Structure formats: C-alpha cells, structure tokens
Amino acid sequence: HLVSSEWWSMAIALALAIAAMQILRVPHPPAGSNPFIVFLLGANNDPMIIGSWDFLWMPTLIGSVLIVMVALLYNNLSKNRSYPKYW
C-alpha cells in the first residue's frame, strides 16, 4: 500500500480531490466522497476487492443512478416542469 487508511490520509486525499476540482474549474461536491470510498473499501483485505475497481465503481454507479431517478421523479411530478428537457 502506498498510503494507509488512517484519518489523516483520507483528509489529504479529500483535500487533493477538492484542490484538483478547483484548479480544473470543475467543482463537483459529491466527488469529494470518492476518496473516502477508495480508502475505506479499497483498503479492505477481501481478495474479491483487491485489484478491482468495484469498490469505487459500484457505489458511484448506484449513487448516480439514484440521483437521476430522484431528479426524474421530482421534476416530472408537476405539469409545468419537464426533465430532461432535450431527450
């Protein structure tokens, strides 16, 4: 392991992710959770997880799908709103 799963390494990873988003001018607040997911689940000793991107892919995919589903439901409840507008 290059870094440990201590609290300070997670804080550094989060700070670097936020700094990169600010420098590249692509702020995306939910992306701040990805370093925590990587450190908490990627540091696991489970042989099914080590060497795989599943520990990052699956929580991110599930979260993205849930966000879109909630947006579709919420924005299409009213007759005055339509989401997505250009599909």
N, C-alpha and C. Protein backbone atom coordinates (compact mmCIF):
# COMPACT_ATOMS: atom_id res chain seq x y z
N HIS A 1 0.84 -1.18 0.00
CA HIS A 1 0.00 0.00 0.00
C HIS A 1 0.89 1.25 0.00
N LEU A 2 0.53 2.19 -0.83
CA LEU A 2 1.28 3.44 -0.87
C LEU A 2 0.94 4.34 0.31
N VAL A 3 -0.30 4.33 0.71
CA VAL A 3 -0.74 5.13 1.86
C VAL A 3 -1.59 4.26 2.76
N SER A 4 -1.72 4.70 3.99
CA SER A 4 -2.51 3.93 4.95
C SER A 4 -3.97 4.37 4.90
N SER A 5 -4.79 3.71 5.67
CA SER A 5 -6.20 4.09 5.74
C SER A 5 -6.48 4.87 7.02
N GLU A 6 -5.50 5.62 7.47
CA GLU A 6 -5.67 6.46 8.65
C GLU A 6 -6.50 7.69 8.31
N TRP A 7 -6.99 8.38 9.34
CA TRP A 7 -7.84 9.55 9.13
C TRP A 7 -7.12 10.65 8.37
N TRP A 8 -5.82 10.83 8.65
CA TRP A 8 -5.09 11.92 8.01
C TRP A 8 -4.86 11.66 6.52
N SER A 9 -4.70 10.41 6.12
CA SER A 9 -4.51 10.13 4.70
C SER A 9 -5.82 10.33 3.94
N MET A 10 -6.95 10.04 4.59
CA MET A 10 -8.24 10.32 3.95
C MET A 10 -8.47 11.82 3.83
N ALA A 11 -8.04 12.58 4.83
CA ALA A 11 -8.18 14.04 4.77
C ALA A 11 -7.32 14.62 3.66
N ILE A 12 -6.12 14.10 3.50
CA ILE A 12 -5.24 14.56 2.42
C ILE A 12 -5.83 14.21 1.06
N ALA A 13 -6.37 13.01 0.92
CA ALA A 13 -6.98 12.61 -0.35
C ALA A 13 -8.17 13.50 -0.69
N LEU A 14 -8.99 13.82 0.29
CA LEU A 14 -10.13 14.70 0.05
C LEU A 14 -9.66 16.10 -0.32
N ALA A 15 -8.65 16.61 0.38
CA ALA A 15 -8.12 17.94 0.07
C ALA A 15 -7.54 17.99 -1.34
N LEU A 16 -6.83 16.94 -1.74
CA LEU A 16 -6.27 16.90 -3.10
C LEU A 16 -7.37 16.82 -4.15
N ALA A 17 -8.42 16.07 -3.87
CA ALA A 17 -9.54 15.99 -4.82
C ALA A 17 -10.23 17.35 -4.97
N ILE A 18 -10.44 18.03 -3.87
CA ILE A 18 -11.07 19.36 -3.92
C ILE A 18 -10.16 20.35 -4.63
N ALA A 19 -8.86 20.31 -4.33
CA ALA A 19 -7.91 21.21 -4.99
C ALA A 19 -7.88 20.97 -6.50
N ALA A 20 -7.88 19.71 -6.91
CA ALA A 20 -7.87 19.40 -8.34
C ALA A 20 -9.14 19.91 -9.02
N MET A 21 -10.29 19.75 -8.36
CA MET A 21 -11.54 20.25 -8.94
C MET A 21 -11.52 21.77 -9.05
N GLN A 22 -10.95 22.46 -8.08
CA GLN A 22 -10.88 23.91 -8.13
C GLN A 22 -9.90 24.40 -9.20
N ILE A 23 -8.76 23.75 -9.31
CA ILE A 23 -7.77 24.13 -10.32
C ILE A 23 -8.31 23.90 -11.72
N LEU A 24 -8.99 22.79 -11.93
CA LEU A 24 -9.54 22.47 -13.25
C LEU A 24 -10.88 23.15 -13.51
N ARG A 25 -11.39 23.88 -12.52
CA ARG A 25 -12.68 24.59 -12.63
C ARG A 25 -13.84 23.65 -12.97
N VAL A 26 -13.83 22.51 -12.33
CA VAL A 26 -14.91 21.53 -12.50
C VAL A 26 -15.40 21.07 -11.11
N PRO A 27 -15.93 22.00 -10.31
CA PRO A 27 -16.36 21.59 -8.97
C PRO A 27 -17.53 20.62 -9.03
N HIS A 28 -17.40 19.58 -8.29
CA HIS A 28 -18.45 18.57 -8.20
C HIS A 28 -18.44 18.04 -6.77
N PRO A 29 -19.21 18.68 -5.86
CA PRO A 29 -19.14 18.33 -4.45
C PRO A 29 -19.30 16.84 -4.13
N PRO A 30 -20.19 16.08 -4.79
CA PRO A 30 -20.27 14.66 -4.44
C PRO A 30 -18.99 13.88 -4.73
N ALA A 31 -18.14 14.42 -5.60
CA ALA A 31 -16.90 13.72 -5.90
C ALA A 31 -15.96 13.70 -4.69
N GLY A 32 -16.22 14.53 -3.72
CA GLY A 32 -15.42 14.51 -2.51
C GLY A 32 -15.57 13.22 -1.72
N SER A 33 -16.66 12.50 -1.95
CA SER A 33 -16.85 11.23 -1.23
C SER A 33 -16.04 10.10 -1.84
N ASN A 34 -15.62 10.25 -3.08
CA ASN A 34 -14.87 9.16 -3.73
C ASN A 34 -13.56 8.82 -3.04
N PRO A 35 -12.75 9.80 -2.58
CA PRO A 35 -11.55 9.40 -1.84
C PRO A 35 -11.87 8.59 -0.59
N PHE A 36 -12.96 8.93 0.10
CA PHE A 36 -13.34 8.16 1.28
C PHE A 36 -13.74 6.74 0.91
N ILE A 37 -14.47 6.60 -0.18
CA ILE A 37 -14.86 5.27 -0.63
C ILE A 37 -13.63 4.45 -0.99
N VAL A 38 -12.70 5.07 -1.70
CA VAL A 38 -11.48 4.37 -2.09
C VAL A 38 -10.69 3.93 -0.87
N PHE A 39 -10.52 4.82 0.10
CA PHE A 39 -9.72 4.47 1.27
C PHE A 39 -10.43 3.49 2.19
N LEU A 40 -11.72 3.65 2.37
CA LEU A 40 -12.43 2.77 3.29
C LEU A 40 -12.65 1.38 2.72
N LEU A 41 -13.03 1.29 1.46
CA LEU A 41 -13.31 -0.02 0.87
C LEU A 41 -12.12 -0.60 0.13
N GLY A 42 -11.27 0.25 -0.42
CA GLY A 42 -10.11 -0.23 -1.17
C GLY A 42 -9.03 -0.80 -0.26
N ALA A 43 -9.02 -0.36 0.98
CA ALA A 43 -8.02 -0.86 1.92
C ALA A 43 -8.43 -2.19 2.54
N ASN A 44 -9.56 -2.69 2.13
CA ASN A 44 -10.07 -3.96 2.65
C ASN A 44 -9.16 -5.10 2.20
N ASN A 45 -9.06 -6.14 2.98
CA ASN A 45 -8.23 -7.29 2.64
C ASN A 45 -9.00 -8.38 1.92
N ASP A 46 -10.19 -8.09 1.49
CA ASP A 46 -11.02 -9.05 0.77
C ASP A 46 -10.40 -9.34 -0.60
N PRO A 47 -10.09 -10.60 -0.93
CA PRO A 47 -9.46 -10.91 -2.21
C PRO A 47 -10.34 -10.59 -3.41
N MET A 48 -11.65 -10.47 -3.22
CA MET A 48 -12.53 -10.12 -4.33
C MET A 48 -12.43 -8.63 -4.67
N ILE A 49 -11.96 -7.81 -3.73
CA ILE A 49 -11.90 -6.37 -3.94
C ILE A 49 -10.52 -5.92 -4.39
N ILE A 50 -9.46 -6.52 -3.84
CA ILE A 50 -8.11 -6.11 -4.18
C ILE A 50 -7.85 -6.34 -5.66
N GLY A 51 -7.30 -5.35 -6.32
CA GLY A 51 -7.00 -5.46 -7.75
C GLY A 51 -8.20 -5.19 -8.63
N SER A 52 -9.28 -4.74 -8.05
CA SER A 52 -10.51 -4.49 -8.79
C SER A 52 -10.96 -3.05 -8.53
N TRP A 53 -11.68 -2.50 -9.48
CA TRP A 53 -12.23 -1.15 -9.32
C TRP A 53 -13.66 -1.20 -8.80
N ASP A 54 -14.15 -2.36 -8.42
CA ASP A 54 -15.52 -2.49 -7.96
C ASP A 54 -15.81 -1.66 -6.71
N PHE A 55 -14.82 -1.50 -5.85
CA PHE A 55 -15.04 -0.74 -4.63
C PHE A 55 -15.32 0.73 -4.92
N LEU A 56 -14.93 1.24 -6.07
CA LEU A 56 -15.23 2.61 -6.46
C LEU A 56 -16.39 2.67 -7.44
N TRP A 57 -16.41 1.74 -8.37
CA TRP A 57 -17.40 1.76 -9.44
C TRP A 57 -18.82 1.54 -8.92
N MET A 58 -19.01 0.54 -8.11
CA MET A 58 -20.36 0.20 -7.68
C MET A 58 -21.01 1.28 -6.81
N PRO A 59 -20.37 1.83 -5.78
CA PRO A 59 -21.05 2.90 -5.03
C PRO A 59 -21.31 4.13 -5.90
N THR A 60 -20.39 4.45 -6.79
CA THR A 60 -20.56 5.62 -7.65
C THR A 60 -21.69 5.39 -8.64
N LEU A 61 -21.75 4.23 -9.25
CA LEU A 61 -22.80 3.92 -10.21
C LEU A 61 -24.17 3.92 -9.54
N ILE A 62 -24.26 3.26 -8.41
CA ILE A 62 -25.54 3.20 -7.69
C ILE A 62 -25.98 4.60 -7.27
N GLY A 63 -25.07 5.41 -6.76
CA GLY A 63 -25.40 6.77 -6.37
C GLY A 63 -25.84 7.63 -7.54
N SER A 64 -25.16 7.50 -8.67
CA SER A 64 -25.52 8.28 -9.87
C SER A 64 -26.90 7.89 -10.38
N VAL A 65 -27.18 6.61 -10.43
CA VAL A 65 -28.49 6.15 -10.90
C VAL A 65 -29.59 6.64 -9.96
N LEU A 66 -29.35 6.58 -8.66
CA LEU A 66 -30.36 7.05 -7.70
C LEU A 66 -30.61 8.55 -7.84
N ILE A 67 -29.55 9.33 -8.04
CA ILE A 67 -29.71 10.78 -8.20
C ILE A 67 -30.55 11.09 -9.43
N VAL A 68 -30.28 10.43 -10.54
CA VAL A 68 -31.04 10.67 -11.78
C VAL A 68 -32.49 10.24 -11.60
N MET A 69 -32.71 9.11 -10.94
CA MET A 69 -34.09 8.64 -10.73
C MET A 69 -34.88 9.62 -9.86
N VAL A 70 -34.26 10.13 -8.80
CA VAL A 70 -34.94 11.11 -7.94
C VAL A 70 -35.21 12.39 -8.72
N ALA A 71 -34.25 12.84 -9.55
CA ALA A 71 -34.45 14.05 -10.36
C ALA A 71 -35.60 13.86 -11.34
N LEU A 72 -35.66 12.70 -11.99
CA LEU A 72 -36.75 12.43 -12.92
C LEU A 72 -38.10 12.44 -12.21
N LEU A 73 -38.17 11.79 -11.09
CA LEU A 73 -39.42 11.73 -10.33
C LEU A 73 -39.83 13.12 -9.84
N TYR A 74 -38.93 13.81 -9.20
CA TYR A 74 -39.24 15.12 -8.62
C TYR A 74 -39.63 16.15 -9.68
N ASN A 75 -38.89 16.21 -10.77
CA ASN A 75 -39.13 17.23 -11.79
C ASN A 75 -40.28 16.92 -12.72
N ASN A 76 -40.74 15.70 -12.75
CA ASN A 76 -41.86 15.36 -13.62
C ASN A 76 -43.19 15.23 -12.86
N LEU A 77 -43.20 15.52 -11.58
CA LEU A 77 -44.44 15.50 -10.81
C LEU A 77 -45.35 16.67 -11.19
N SER A 78 -44.76 17.79 -11.54
CA SER A 78 -45.52 18.99 -11.89
C SER A 78 -45.73 19.05 -13.40
N LYS A 79 -46.87 19.58 -13.82
CA LYS A 79 -47.14 19.72 -15.25
C LYS A 79 -46.33 20.85 -15.86
N ASN A 80 -45.86 21.79 -15.04
CA ASN A 80 -45.10 22.94 -15.52
C ASN A 80 -43.64 22.62 -15.77
N ARG A 81 -43.17 21.50 -15.28
CA ARG A 81 -41.75 21.15 -15.40
C ARG A 81 -41.61 19.87 -16.19
N SER A 82 -40.49 19.80 -16.89
CA SER A 82 -40.17 18.58 -17.62
C SER A 82 -38.67 18.35 -17.55
N TYR A 83 -38.29 17.19 -17.11
CA TYR A 83 -36.87 16.86 -17.01
C TYR A 83 -36.68 15.46 -17.55
N PRO A 84 -35.75 15.22 -18.38
CA PRO A 84 -34.85 16.17 -19.04
C PRO A 84 -35.58 16.90 -20.16
N LYS A 85 -35.12 18.08 -20.45
CA LYS A 85 -35.80 18.92 -21.42
C LYS A 85 -35.51 18.50 -22.86
N TYR A 86 -34.30 18.04 -23.13
CA TYR A 86 -33.89 17.72 -24.52
C TYR A 86 -33.45 16.27 -24.64
N TRP A 87 -34.34 15.33 -24.48
CA TRP A 87 -34.00 13.93 -24.71
C TRP A 87 -34.80 13.41 -25.84
